[in-house]
Amino acid sequence: MERPLDRADAPWGWVALVVAVAVAASVAGVGNEFVQDDLVIVVQNPRMQSLDNWRDLLTQPYWPPPWTEDHWRPMTSLALAVQFQLGGGEPLLFRIVSLLLYAVLSGAVLLLALRFLVPPAAVAAALLFAVHPLHVEAVALAVGQAELIVALLAVVMTAWYLRCRRTGQGWLRVRDWLLLVVLYLAAALTKEHGLVLPGLLVAAELTLVPGLVRARIRQSWPGFVVLAAVAVLAIQLRALVLGGDLVGSYPSEALDGVALGGRALTMLAVATHWFRLLAWPAHLRADYAPAELEASTGFGGPEALGLALLGLAVAVTWRCRRGAPVTTFGLLWVAIALFPVSNVLVPTSILIAERTLFLATVGAVIAVGGLMDLAWRLEGRRTAIARAGVLAAGVLGLALGLGRSVERWSVWRNETAYVARTAQDAPRSFRAQRAYGEVLFQDGKRDEGMAAYGRALQYAPPGEAWRVRNDLARRHFEEGASALAVQQLLASREQTPGEQETWNYLVLGLLNLGEYPAAKREAEAALARGFSVEVFEDLRSLADTAMKANVPAGAIRINVVRPESP
């Protein structure tokens, strides 16, 4: 009977095969342009464009102004800045680096799996990882390199830990723990979810390392205490950079103001998407909320299905702990990887995103590999049938995954393609429809653009509709339709009166229309609300002067430019 490999000298031909398949699944995106968050984090961010700013990269928030200065990912920021310098600010080098990271990670998944699975099962699991369509978003974006790096560090840490615990002396020396500490600190400073990596080592210890629990605890607890200290240090540094904010400046729109119980119900519904995306990612989209996914107000069908799936996962995890411990380990890996984005204890800015599930797919393919391993080890007449079934399922899964991954790369070709496809994939996303409306206006398709903005207003949550109306007002300003712009701004102010931007644009619109008394009143009302004295005193003075001089309507023309803001 075939056995898992316990040596580091794994068959490199298999590694080459997995790497080649990973490249085949991703090479279509090498020529893609910057899209989505890359535009803000890389293209429009002066910090990223010179290594002279290295101190700012290490000590400033990840998101640059005028966006809300959120997160702290110094290793990611530094890596992106280096690539910007070496590649002359062009996307090609970023795409090549992401592709190489993904290929190396896929090979590393194989080497990890070979430590506890028979070779056919390990190779199948790694190939499934290499072609998984869910991974396209993480590999497509330069900022997605954070996901790739954390996952690679997780795999390397786990493989090294198991190598030390299952071979040779059976325990970790000081230099082994030192290596794990360095890798862990790098992961924690690359992206926040890197903080959970010691949990993966604990899961490996409990499921894959033989021996009495008490003896294993005695051997390992000092090292885990050091890792805990590193976690505390990383959290404290993050708090220092972000002014005491540990979790993020704002929750997802769907979870804004939702209490613990409501978040738990909502995440039960979200869990159904976790299972679907990990197991059968036929439908992918770059935006999942709001309106596409909304906060649950009660226990219904989606919540019941989510609870049933989670219950089934727990039951399988427990049932396999002895007969198929690798599957138990893989499912524990999935649970640990999903914990940072579970939104139950602490709400985050993302309800669900495909790239946030990237690390979890490592555990998912390991769990599947564990079941394949079990089927491969069957004795007697069932052996041939089991192996044939595993082979057929594996080939089908690889073919479907590869085809879907290659097709998905067209979505990320450029910003226009990304926006148009996202509006199609997530038609109830107000953000997608708003962005699509902008693209349509730029292409001269006014009527279609208006329809897209109308859908954005239909699906926008109450606290976000003002952004859509203000954006639409700017479009009206650009086409010289100030009256239509003022109508949108009045509706925006009525719905959300506390936004200074709305009052600013409203006064400018009234000035364009020649309604100087109204413009003066609105400027004075804005000053009374405590808005910018510098801005609204100038506008009030301009309106007053125009009114006294009896300036004809249309004589004052002020261009309203869309700011680079969220």
Protein backbone atom coordinates (compact mmCIF):
# COMPACT_ATOMS: atom_id res chain seq x y z
CA MET A 1 0.00 0.00 0.00
CA GLU A 2 1.32 3.47 -0.88
CA ARG A 3 2.33 5.69 2.01
CA PRO A 4 2.63 9.45 2.42
CA LEU A 5 6.10 10.82 1.93
CA ASP A 6 7.92 11.64 5.15
CA ARG A 7 10.99 13.01 3.44
CA ALA A 8 11.67 16.43 2.01
CA ASP A 9 12.99 14.96 -1.30
CA ALA A 10 9.52 14.71 -2.84
CA PRO A 11 9.15 13.77 -6.53
CA TRP A 12 9.90 17.03 -8.27
CA GLY A 13 8.20 15.85 -11.43
CA TRP A 14 4.88 16.08 -9.61
CA VAL A 15 5.81 19.51 -8.33
CA ALA A 16 6.61 20.61 -11.87
CA LEU A 17 3.23 19.30 -13.06
CA VAL A 18 1.33 21.22 -10.39
CA VAL A 19 3.30 24.40 -11.06
CA ALA A 20 2.68 24.08 -14.80
CA VAL A 21 -1.06 23.66 -14.28
CA ALA A 22 -1.14 26.70 -11.95
CA VAL A 23 0.61 28.75 -14.63
CA ALA A 24 -1.80 27.48 -17.30
CA ALA A 25 -4.76 28.52 -15.13
CA SER A 26 -3.38 32.04 -14.59
CA VAL A 27 -1.19 33.05 -17.52
CA ALA A 28 -4.14 34.60 -19.37
CA GLY A 29 -4.03 37.51 -16.92
CA VAL A 30 -0.41 38.54 -17.41
CA GLY A 31 -1.34 41.34 -19.82
CA ASN A 32 -4.20 42.73 -17.74
CA GLU A 33 -4.26 46.38 -16.67
CA PHE A 34 -4.68 47.81 -13.17
CA VAL A 35 -8.25 47.45 -11.90
CA GLN A 36 -10.36 47.87 -8.76
CA ASP A 37 -8.32 48.47 -5.56
CA ASP A 38 -5.06 48.52 -7.52
CA LEU A 39 -6.05 51.92 -8.88
CA VAL A 40 -6.29 53.43 -5.39
CA ILE A 41 -3.58 51.51 -3.54
CA VAL A 42 -0.95 51.53 -6.31
CA VAL A 43 -1.71 53.92 -9.18
CA GLN A 44 -3.13 56.89 -7.25
CA ASN A 45 -1.08 56.45 -4.08
CA PRO A 46 2.11 58.59 -3.94
CA ARG A 47 3.43 56.49 -1.05
CA MET A 48 3.73 53.45 -3.31
CA GLN A 49 5.56 55.24 -6.08
CA SER A 50 8.92 55.85 -4.49
CA LEU A 51 11.09 53.87 -2.12
CA ASP A 52 12.13 57.20 -0.63
CA ASN A 53 8.82 56.89 1.21
CA TRP A 54 9.83 53.63 2.89
CA ARG A 55 9.27 55.04 6.39
CA ASP A 56 5.72 56.03 5.46
CA LEU A 57 5.14 52.60 3.95
CA LEU A 58 6.08 50.98 7.25
CA THR A 59 4.43 53.45 9.63
CA GLN A 60 1.33 54.76 7.81
CA PRO A 61 -2.06 53.12 7.20
CA TYR A 62 -2.47 50.95 4.13
CA TRP A 63 -5.29 53.01 2.57
CA PRO A 64 -4.13 56.49 1.56
CA PRO A 65 -6.04 59.78 1.95
CA PRO A 66 -8.55 61.03 0.95
CA TRP A 67 -9.89 57.53 1.58
CA THR A 68 -10.45 56.49 5.17
CA GLU A 69 -6.98 55.61 6.44
CA ASP A 70 -7.62 51.99 7.33
CA HIS A 71 -5.60 48.81 7.90
CA TRP A 72 -1.86 48.46 8.39
CA ARG A 73 0.00 46.11 6.06
CA PRO A 74 3.61 47.31 5.97
CA MET A 75 5.07 44.21 4.29
CA THR A 76 2.47 44.39 1.51
CA SER A 77 3.02 48.11 1.05
CA LEU A 78 6.78 47.66 0.82
CA ALA A 79 6.48 44.76 -1.65
CA LEU A 80 4.15 46.75 -3.90
CA ALA A 81 6.43 49.81 -3.79
CA VAL A 82 9.45 47.71 -4.81
CA GLN A 83 7.53 46.29 -7.77
CA PHE A 84 6.36 49.77 -8.76
CA GLN A 85 9.97 50.97 -8.87
CA LEU A 86 11.36 47.97 -10.70
CA GLY A 87 8.50 47.82 -13.20
CA GLY A 88 8.28 51.52 -13.92
CA GLY A 89 4.76 51.71 -12.56
CA GLU A 90 3.41 49.36 -15.24
CA PRO A 91 1.15 46.42 -14.30
CA LEU A 92 3.23 43.74 -16.05
CA LEU A 93 5.72 43.13 -13.23
CA PHE A 94 2.91 42.96 -10.66
CA ARG A 95 1.13 40.36 -12.77
CA ILE A 96 4.29 38.27 -13.21
CA VAL A 97 5.05 38.36 -9.48
CA SER A 98 1.49 37.32 -8.63
CA LEU A 99 1.69 34.46 -11.14
CA LEU A 100 5.00 33.26 -9.71
CA LEU A 101 3.70 33.46 -6.15
CA TYR A 102 0.67 31.41 -7.12
CA ALA A 103 2.74 28.80 -8.93
CA VAL A 104 5.16 28.46 -6.00
CA LEU A 105 2.25 28.27 -3.55
CA SER A 106 0.58 25.50 -5.56
CA GLY A 107 3.82 23.52 -5.49
CA ALA A 108 4.12 24.15 -1.75
CA VAL A 109 0.58 22.83 -1.21
CA LEU A 110 1.67 19.62 -2.92
CA LEU A 111 4.77 19.29 -0.73
CA LEU A 112 2.65 19.83 2.37
CA ALA A 113 0.04 17.29 1.26
CA LEU A 114 2.73 14.70 0.50
CA ARG A 115 3.60 14.65 4.20
CA PHE A 116 0.31 12.99 5.14
CA LEU A 117 -1.39 11.76 1.95
CA VAL A 118 -0.60 9.00 -0.50
CA PRO A 119 0.96 10.58 -3.62
CA PRO A 120 -2.09 10.25 -5.94
CA ALA A 121 -4.33 11.97 -3.37
CA ALA A 122 -1.74 14.66 -2.65
CA VAL A 123 -1.22 15.42 -6.35
CA ALA A 124 -4.98 15.55 -6.96
CA ALA A 125 -5.49 17.95 -4.02
CA ALA A 126 -2.70 20.25 -5.23
CA LEU A 127 -4.01 20.23 -8.81
CA LEU A 128 -7.49 21.14 -7.56
CA PHE A 129 -5.93 24.03 -5.69
CA ALA A 130 -4.00 25.14 -8.78
CA VAL A 131 -7.13 25.38 -10.97
CA HIS A 132 -9.64 26.62 -8.39
CA PRO A 133 -11.61 29.48 -10.03
CA LEU A 134 -12.09 31.18 -6.67
CA HIS A 135 -8.40 32.12 -6.77
CA VAL A 136 -8.57 34.31 -9.86
CA GLU A 137 -9.50 37.47 -7.94
CA ALA A 138 -6.55 37.16 -5.54
CA VAL A 139 -4.07 36.49 -8.36
CA ALA A 140 -5.57 39.15 -10.66
CA LEU A 141 -4.97 42.06 -8.30
CA ALA A 142 -1.62 43.43 -7.22
CA VAL A 143 -3.11 44.00 -3.77
CA GLY A 144 -4.13 40.33 -3.78
CA GLN A 145 -0.48 39.44 -3.30
CA ALA A 146 -1.17 39.82 0.43
CA GLU A 147 -3.44 36.77 0.22
CA LEU A 148 -0.84 34.81 -1.73
CA ILE A 149 2.00 35.64 0.65
CA VAL A 150 0.03 34.82 3.81
CA ALA A 151 -1.12 31.51 2.32
CA LEU A 152 2.44 30.63 1.26
CA LEU A 153 3.75 31.44 4.74
CA ALA A 154 0.96 29.35 6.28
CA VAL A 155 1.82 26.34 4.15
CA VAL A 156 5.56 26.67 4.82
CA MET A 157 5.03 27.07 8.57
CA THR A 158 2.74 24.05 8.74
CA ALA A 159 5.04 21.89 6.62
CA TRP A 160 8.06 22.83 8.73
CA TYR A 161 6.19 22.22 11.97
CA LEU A 162 5.07 18.76 10.84
CA ARG A 163 8.54 17.94 9.56
CA CYS A 164 9.97 18.63 13.00
CA ARG A 165 7.18 16.91 14.93
CA ARG A 166 6.85 13.77 12.80
CA THR A 167 10.49 13.03 11.93
CA GLY A 168 13.83 12.93 13.67
CA GLN A 169 13.79 14.06 17.28
CA GLY A 170 10.02 14.69 17.25
CA TRP A 171 10.27 18.13 18.82
CA LEU A 172 11.23 21.63 17.72
CA ARG A 173 14.57 23.12 18.59
CA VAL A 174 15.07 26.79 19.36
CA ARG A 175 16.14 27.53 15.79
CA ASP A 176 12.99 25.83 14.48
CA TRP A 177 10.80 28.01 16.65
CA LEU A 178 12.84 31.05 15.63
CA LEU A 179 12.09 30.32 11.97
CA LEU A 180 8.38 29.97 12.74
CA VAL A 181 8.41 33.25 14.68
CA VAL A 182 10.01 35.12 11.77
CA LEU A 183 7.56 33.65 9.26
CA TYR A 184 4.62 34.39 11.53
CA LEU A 185 5.64 38.01 12.07
CA ALA A 186 5.98 38.45 8.31
CA ALA A 187 2.47 37.04 7.80
CA ALA A 188 0.95 39.24 10.53
CA LEU A 189 2.51 42.34 8.95
CA THR A 190 1.36 41.33 5.46
CA LYS A 191 -2.38 41.12 6.20
CA GLU A 192 -4.49 40.95 9.35
CA HIS A 193 -5.69 37.37 8.91
CA GLY A 194 -2.07 36.23 9.17
CA LEU A 195 -2.57 36.47 12.93
CA VAL A 196 -4.49 33.16 12.91
CA LEU A 197 -1.64 31.03 11.53
CA PRO A 198 -0.64 29.53 14.91
CA GLY A 199 -4.13 28.07 15.00
CA LEU A 200 -3.21 26.01 11.93
CA LEU A 201 -0.20 24.60 13.79
CA VAL A 202 -2.43 23.70 16.74
CA ALA A 203 -4.83 21.94 14.36
CA ALA A 204 -1.92 20.01 12.83
CA GLU A 205 -0.67 19.05 16.30
CA LEU A 206 -4.07 17.75 17.40
CA THR A 207 -4.85 15.77 14.27
CA LEU A 208 -1.61 14.71 12.57
CA VAL A 209 1.00 14.34 15.32
CA PRO A 210 0.99 11.02 17.21
CA GLY A 211 1.47 10.68 20.96
CA LEU A 212 -0.25 11.54 24.23
CA VAL A 213 -1.80 15.00 24.39
CA ARG A 214 -0.14 15.82 27.72
CA ALA A 215 3.31 14.97 26.40
CA ARG A 216 2.71 17.00 23.22
CA ILE A 217 1.62 20.02 25.24
CA ARG A 218 4.76 19.75 27.36
CA GLN A 219 6.92 19.72 24.26
CA SER A 220 5.24 22.59 22.42
CA TRP A 221 3.75 25.12 24.82
CA PRO A 222 6.83 27.41 25.18
CA GLY A 223 6.95 27.94 21.43
CA PHE A 224 3.26 28.75 21.22
CA VAL A 225 3.64 31.24 24.06
CA VAL A 226 6.29 33.04 21.99
CA LEU A 227 3.98 33.05 18.97
CA ALA A 228 1.22 34.52 21.16
CA ALA A 229 3.61 37.25 22.25
CA VAL A 230 4.34 38.03 18.60
CA ALA A 231 0.59 38.32 17.96
CA VAL A 232 0.21 40.77 20.85
CA LEU A 233 3.13 42.82 19.51
CA ALA A 234 1.64 42.97 16.00
CA ILE A 235 -1.75 44.02 17.37
CA GLN A 236 -0.21 46.73 19.52
CA LEU A 237 1.79 48.10 16.59
CA ARG A 238 -1.36 48.13 14.48
CA ALA A 239 -3.22 50.04 17.20
CA LEU A 240 -0.37 52.54 17.41
CA VAL A 241 -0.44 53.24 13.67
CA LEU A 242 -4.25 53.40 13.44
CA GLY A 243 -4.76 55.52 16.54
CA GLY A 244 -6.15 52.73 18.70
CA ASP A 245 -8.42 51.21 16.04
CA LEU A 246 -7.86 47.45 16.07
CA VAL A 247 -10.52 46.12 13.70
CA GLY A 248 -11.23 48.76 11.07
CA SER A 249 -12.95 52.09 10.79
CA TYR A 250 -16.31 50.95 9.45
CA PRO A 251 -18.29 47.71 9.04
CA SER A 252 -19.83 46.41 5.85
CA GLU A 253 -22.96 48.31 4.85
CA ALA A 254 -25.01 45.17 5.40
CA LEU A 255 -23.77 44.93 9.01
CA ASP A 256 -23.77 48.63 9.91
CA GLY A 257 -25.62 48.97 13.21
CA VAL A 258 -26.45 45.25 13.36
CA ALA A 259 -26.03 43.66 16.81
CA LEU A 260 -24.31 40.35 17.59
CA GLY A 261 -27.44 38.22 17.12
CA GLY A 262 -28.24 39.81 13.78
CA ARG A 263 -24.67 39.34 12.58
CA ALA A 264 -24.79 35.66 13.56
CA LEU A 265 -28.00 35.16 11.57
CA THR A 266 -26.57 37.04 8.61
CA MET A 267 -23.41 34.97 8.60
CA LEU A 268 -25.47 31.77 8.62
CA ALA A 269 -26.83 32.89 5.26
CA VAL A 270 -23.35 33.91 4.12
CA ALA A 271 -22.07 30.44 5.07
CA THR A 272 -24.08 28.95 2.21
CA HIS A 273 -21.97 31.05 -0.17
CA TRP A 274 -18.79 29.86 1.55
CA PHE A 275 -19.71 26.25 0.86
CA ARG A 276 -20.78 26.98 -2.71
CA LEU A 277 -17.65 28.96 -3.56
CA LEU A 278 -15.30 26.40 -2.04
CA ALA A 279 -17.03 23.39 -3.59
CA TRP A 280 -18.65 24.59 -6.83
CA PRO A 281 -17.69 28.15 -7.85
CA ALA A 282 -19.68 28.20 -11.07
CA HIS A 283 -20.97 31.73 -10.41
CA LEU A 284 -18.38 34.27 -9.30
CA ARG A 285 -18.69 37.99 -8.74
CA ALA A 286 -16.50 40.78 -7.49
CA ASP A 287 -19.17 42.32 -5.23
CA TYR A 288 -21.55 40.52 -2.89
CA ALA A 289 -23.12 43.26 -0.78
CA PRO A 290 -25.24 45.16 -0.07
CA ALA A 291 -28.58 44.18 -1.66
CA GLU A 292 -26.91 41.11 -3.18
CA LEU A 293 -26.53 39.99 0.45
CA GLU A 294 -28.43 41.83 3.16
CA ALA A 295 -28.57 41.57 6.94
CA SER A 296 -30.91 38.82 8.11
CA THR A 297 -33.95 39.96 10.04
CA GLY A 298 -35.09 36.49 11.08
CA PHE A 299 -34.42 32.78 10.80
CA GLY A 300 -35.54 31.65 7.37
CA GLY A 301 -34.54 29.33 4.55
CA PRO A 302 -31.00 30.66 3.87
CA GLU A 303 -30.19 30.73 7.58
CA ALA A 304 -31.52 27.19 8.06
CA LEU A 305 -29.47 25.93 5.12
CA GLY A 306 -26.36 27.65 6.47
CA LEU A 307 -26.90 26.13 9.91
CA ALA A 308 -27.41 22.68 8.39
CA LEU A 309 -24.23 22.95 6.31
CA LEU A 310 -22.19 24.12 9.29
CA GLY A 311 -23.65 21.31 11.39
CA LEU A 312 -22.73 18.80 8.70
CA ALA A 313 -19.18 20.18 8.54
CA VAL A 314 -18.83 19.86 12.33
CA ALA A 315 -20.16 16.29 12.22
CA VAL A 316 -17.77 15.28 9.43
CA THR A 317 -14.88 16.93 11.23
CA TRP A 318 -15.62 14.93 14.39
CA ARG A 319 -16.42 11.67 12.60
CA CYS A 320 -13.20 11.71 10.56
CA ARG A 321 -10.87 12.47 13.47
CA ARG A 322 -9.72 8.83 13.69
CA GLY A 323 -10.44 7.17 10.36
CA ALA A 324 -9.52 10.17 8.17
CA PRO A 325 -7.61 12.66 10.38
CA VAL A 326 -6.31 14.54 7.34
CA THR A 327 -9.89 15.49 6.44
CA THR A 328 -10.44 16.67 10.02
CA PHE A 329 -7.27 18.74 9.76
CA GLY A 330 -8.38 20.26 6.46
CA LEU A 331 -11.80 21.23 7.81
CA LEU A 332 -10.22 22.75 10.91
CA TRP A 333 -7.93 24.73 8.59
CA VAL A 334 -11.00 26.06 6.75
CA ALA A 335 -12.68 27.10 10.02
CA ILE A 336 -9.56 28.86 11.31
CA ALA A 337 -8.99 30.66 7.99
CA LEU A 338 -12.61 31.88 7.89
CA PHE A 339 -12.66 33.11 11.48
CA PRO A 340 -11.27 36.62 10.70
CA VAL A 341 -14.04 37.24 8.16
CA SER A 342 -16.83 35.57 10.13
CA ASN A 343 -18.09 39.01 11.29
CA VAL A 344 -19.78 37.55 14.38
CA LEU A 345 -17.57 38.70 17.24
CA VAL A 346 -16.24 41.74 15.38
CA PRO A 347 -17.86 43.25 12.25
CA THR A 348 -15.44 43.93 9.40
CA SER A 349 -15.67 46.07 6.28
CA ILE A 350 -16.30 42.98 4.10
CA LEU A 351 -19.31 40.70 4.37
CA ILE A 352 -17.84 38.29 1.85
CA ALA A 353 -15.23 38.58 -0.88
CA GLU A 354 -13.73 35.85 -2.99
CA ARG A 355 -10.14 36.71 -2.19
CA THR A 356 -10.83 36.52 1.57
CA LEU A 357 -11.59 32.80 1.08
CA PHE A 358 -8.22 32.14 -0.56
CA LEU A 359 -6.49 30.74 2.53
CA ALA A 360 -9.51 28.56 3.31
CA THR A 361 -9.20 26.75 -0.02
CA VAL A 362 -5.89 25.24 1.13
CA GLY A 363 -7.78 23.47 3.91
CA ALA A 364 -10.64 22.57 1.58
CA VAL A 365 -8.42 20.73 -0.91
CA ILE A 366 -6.57 19.02 1.97
CA ALA A 367 -9.93 17.80 3.32
CA VAL A 368 -10.87 16.47 -0.12
CA GLY A 369 -7.43 14.90 -0.38
CA GLY A 370 -8.04 13.12 2.92
CA LEU A 371 -11.18 11.50 1.51
CA MET A 372 -9.33 10.57 -1.66
CA ASP A 373 -6.60 9.05 0.47
CA LEU A 374 -9.19 6.98 2.32
CA ALA A 375 -10.68 5.72 -0.95
CA TRP A 376 -7.24 4.95 -2.32
CA ARG A 377 -6.40 2.78 0.67
CA LEU A 378 -9.46 0.52 0.35
CA GLU A 379 -8.62 -3.18 0.22
CA GLY A 380 -10.20 -5.97 -1.81
CA ARG A 381 -12.59 -5.77 -4.75
CA ARG A 382 -13.69 -2.24 -3.94
CA THR A 383 -10.21 -0.88 -4.57
CA ALA A 384 -10.40 -0.68 -8.35
CA ILE A 385 -13.88 0.85 -8.29
CA ALA A 386 -12.92 3.41 -5.65
CA ARG A 387 -9.76 4.42 -7.47
CA ALA A 388 -11.55 4.69 -10.81
CA GLY A 389 -14.22 6.87 -9.23
CA VAL A 390 -11.65 9.11 -7.61
CA LEU A 391 -9.73 9.42 -10.87
CA ALA A 392 -12.83 10.26 -12.91
CA ALA A 393 -14.04 12.84 -10.39
CA GLY A 394 -10.59 14.37 -10.22
CA VAL A 395 -10.20 14.69 -13.98
CA LEU A 396 -13.67 16.22 -14.32
CA GLY A 397 -12.99 18.69 -11.50
CA LEU A 398 -9.66 19.70 -13.00
CA ALA A 399 -11.14 20.26 -16.46
CA LEU A 400 -14.05 22.34 -15.15
CA GLY A 401 -11.84 24.34 -12.80
CA LEU A 402 -9.24 25.11 -15.45
CA GLY A 403 -11.84 26.21 -17.98
CA ARG A 404 -13.67 28.43 -15.48
CA SER A 405 -10.43 30.01 -14.27
CA VAL A 406 -9.24 30.85 -17.78
CA GLU A 407 -12.63 32.37 -18.65
CA ARG A 408 -12.72 34.41 -15.43
CA TRP A 409 -9.51 36.23 -16.30
CA SER A 410 -11.34 38.28 -18.95
CA VAL A 411 -13.26 40.01 -16.16
CA TRP A 412 -10.06 41.60 -14.87
CA ARG A 413 -8.69 42.68 -18.25
CA ASN A 414 -9.22 46.39 -17.52
CA GLU A 415 -11.44 48.64 -15.43
CA THR A 416 -14.16 48.91 -18.08
CA ALA A 417 -14.41 45.13 -18.50
CA TYR A 418 -14.37 44.67 -14.73
CA VAL A 419 -17.16 47.19 -14.13
CA ALA A 420 -19.38 45.89 -16.93
CA ARG A 421 -19.00 42.25 -15.89
CA THR A 422 -19.54 43.01 -12.21
CA ALA A 423 -22.79 44.81 -13.01
CA GLN A 424 -23.86 41.67 -14.86
CA ASP A 425 -22.65 39.21 -12.21
CA ALA A 426 -24.02 41.23 -9.26
CA PRO A 427 -27.00 43.18 -10.67
CA ARG A 428 -28.31 44.14 -7.21
CA SER A 429 -25.03 45.72 -6.11
CA PHE A 430 -25.45 49.49 -5.96
CA ARG A 431 -21.68 49.94 -6.21
CA ALA A 432 -21.51 47.89 -9.40
CA GLN A 433 -24.44 49.72 -10.99
CA ARG A 434 -23.07 53.12 -9.96
CA ALA A 435 -19.67 52.33 -11.51
CA TYR A 436 -21.36 50.93 -14.61
CA GLY A 437 -23.41 54.10 -14.97
CA GLU A 438 -20.22 56.14 -14.91
CA VAL A 439 -18.64 53.98 -17.62
CA LEU A 440 -21.75 54.26 -19.80
CA PHE A 441 -21.80 58.05 -19.46
CA GLN A 442 -18.14 58.19 -20.46
CA ASP A 443 -18.95 56.10 -23.53
CA GLY A 444 -21.70 58.55 -24.50
CA LYS A 445 -24.50 56.11 -23.66
CA ARG A 446 -26.52 58.53 -21.56
CA ASP A 447 -29.84 56.69 -21.45
CA GLU A 448 -28.21 53.41 -20.46
CA GLY A 449 -26.12 55.27 -17.90
CA MET A 450 -29.22 56.84 -16.39
CA ALA A 451 -30.82 53.40 -16.16
CA ALA A 452 -27.75 52.05 -14.36
CA TYR A 453 -27.82 54.96 -11.89
CA GLY A 454 -31.52 54.30 -11.36
CA ARG A 455 -30.74 50.70 -10.42
CA ALA A 456 -27.99 51.92 -8.12
CA LEU A 457 -30.48 54.17 -6.31
CA GLN A 458 -32.97 51.32 -6.10
CA TYR A 459 -30.49 49.01 -4.36
CA ALA A 460 -28.43 51.49 -2.36
CA PRO A 461 -28.86 51.30 1.43
CA PRO A 462 -30.24 54.49 3.02
CA GLY A 463 -26.85 55.64 4.22
CA GLU A 464 -25.25 55.30 0.79
CA ALA A 465 -27.88 56.67 -1.60
CA TRP A 466 -26.44 60.20 -1.28
CA ARG A 467 -23.22 59.02 -2.93
CA VAL A 468 -25.15 57.78 -5.95
CA ARG A 469 -27.21 60.98 -6.23
CA ASN A 470 -24.13 63.19 -5.91
CA ASP A 471 -22.34 61.16 -8.55
CA LEU A 472 -25.33 61.47 -10.85
CA ALA A 473 -25.43 65.22 -10.13
CA ARG A 474 -21.83 65.52 -11.26
CA ARG A 475 -22.77 63.76 -14.48
CA HIS A 476 -25.54 66.33 -15.02
CA PHE A 477 -23.11 69.15 -14.34
CA GLU A 478 -20.75 67.75 -16.98
CA GLU A 479 -23.50 67.82 -19.59
CA GLY A 480 -24.57 71.33 -18.59
CA ALA A 481 -27.84 70.24 -16.98
CA SER A 482 -27.48 72.14 -13.70
CA ALA A 483 -31.21 72.06 -12.99
CA LEU A 484 -31.23 68.25 -13.06
CA ALA A 485 -28.14 68.24 -10.86
CA VAL A 486 -29.81 70.48 -8.29
CA GLN A 487 -32.84 68.15 -8.20
CA GLN A 488 -30.60 65.21 -7.31
CA LEU A 489 -28.71 67.24 -4.72
CA LEU A 490 -31.90 68.41 -3.00
CA ALA A 491 -33.04 64.78 -2.76
CA SER A 492 -29.60 63.78 -1.50
CA ARG A 493 -29.64 66.46 1.19
CA GLU A 494 -33.13 65.55 2.31
CA GLN A 495 -32.13 61.92 2.75
CA THR A 496 -28.69 62.52 4.30
CA PRO A 497 -28.38 66.15 5.44
CA GLY A 498 -25.04 65.78 7.21
CA GLU A 499 -22.78 65.48 4.15
CA GLN A 500 -20.80 68.63 3.39
CA GLU A 501 -20.15 67.53 -0.19
CA THR A 502 -23.88 67.70 -0.96
CA TRP A 503 -24.24 71.25 0.34
CA ASN A 504 -21.13 72.33 -1.57
CA TYR A 505 -22.40 70.97 -4.88
CA LEU A 506 -25.88 72.36 -4.22
CA VAL A 507 -24.58 75.91 -3.77
CA LEU A 508 -22.46 75.56 -6.91
CA GLY A 509 -25.48 74.33 -8.85
CA LEU A 510 -27.60 77.25 -7.71
CA LEU A 511 -24.84 79.65 -8.75
CA ASN A 512 -24.72 78.04 -12.19
CA LEU A 513 -28.48 78.53 -12.51
CA GLY A 514 -28.28 82.17 -11.44
CA GLU A 515 -30.37 81.58 -8.30
CA TYR A 516 -28.10 83.76 -6.19
CA PRO A 517 -30.42 84.44 -3.20
CA ALA A 518 -31.02 80.70 -2.79
CA ALA A 519 -27.28 80.02 -3.14
CA LYS A 520 -26.53 82.57 -0.44
CA ARG A 521 -29.14 81.07 1.91
CA GLU A 522 -27.78 77.56 1.41
CA ALA A 523 -24.20 78.72 2.04
CA GLU A 524 -25.28 80.44 5.25
CA ALA A 525 -27.19 77.32 6.33
CA ALA A 526 -24.07 75.24 5.69
CA LEU A 527 -22.02 77.59 7.84
CA ALA A 528 -24.62 77.31 10.59
CA ARG A 529 -24.20 73.53 10.45
CA GLY A 530 -20.49 73.91 11.15
CA PHE A 531 -19.23 73.03 7.68
CA SER A 532 -16.01 74.50 6.26
CA VAL A 533 -15.82 78.24 6.87
CA GLU A 534 -13.23 78.70 4.13
CA VAL A 535 -15.39 76.99 1.50
CA PHE A 536 -18.81 78.34 2.34
CA GLU A 537 -17.75 81.89 3.20
CA ASP A 538 -16.27 82.17 -0.29
CA LEU A 539 -19.44 80.75 -1.83
CA ARG A 540 -21.69 83.02 0.23
CA SER A 541 -19.59 86.04 -0.77
CA LEU A 542 -19.72 85.05 -4.43
CA ALA A 543 -23.50 84.65 -4.33
CA ASP A 544 -23.93 87.96 -2.52
CA THR A 545 -21.73 89.80 -5.03
CA ALA A 546 -23.52 88.26 -8.01
CA MET A 547 -26.90 89.15 -6.52
CA LYS A 548 -25.95 92.79 -5.89
CA ALA A 549 -24.36 93.15 -9.32
CA ASN A 550 -27.43 91.58 -10.94
CA VAL A 551 -25.25 89.12 -12.83
CA PRO A 552 -27.37 87.36 -15.48
CA ALA A 553 -28.17 83.68 -15.06
CA GLY A 554 -25.58 81.45 -16.69
CA ALA A 555 -22.79 84.00 -16.40
CA ILE A 556 -21.19 82.08 -13.52
CA ARG A 557 -20.03 78.69 -14.68
CA ILE A 558 -18.28 76.48 -12.13
CA ASN A 559 -17.00 73.05 -13.06
CA VAL A 560 -17.82 70.38 -10.53
CA VAL A 561 -15.08 67.75 -10.53
CA ARG A 562 -15.56 64.32 -9.02
CA PRO A 563 -13.15 63.93 -6.08
CA GLU A 564 -11.02 60.83 -5.55
CA SER A 565 -12.88 59.57 -2.53
CA PRO A 566 -14.78 56.47 -1.47
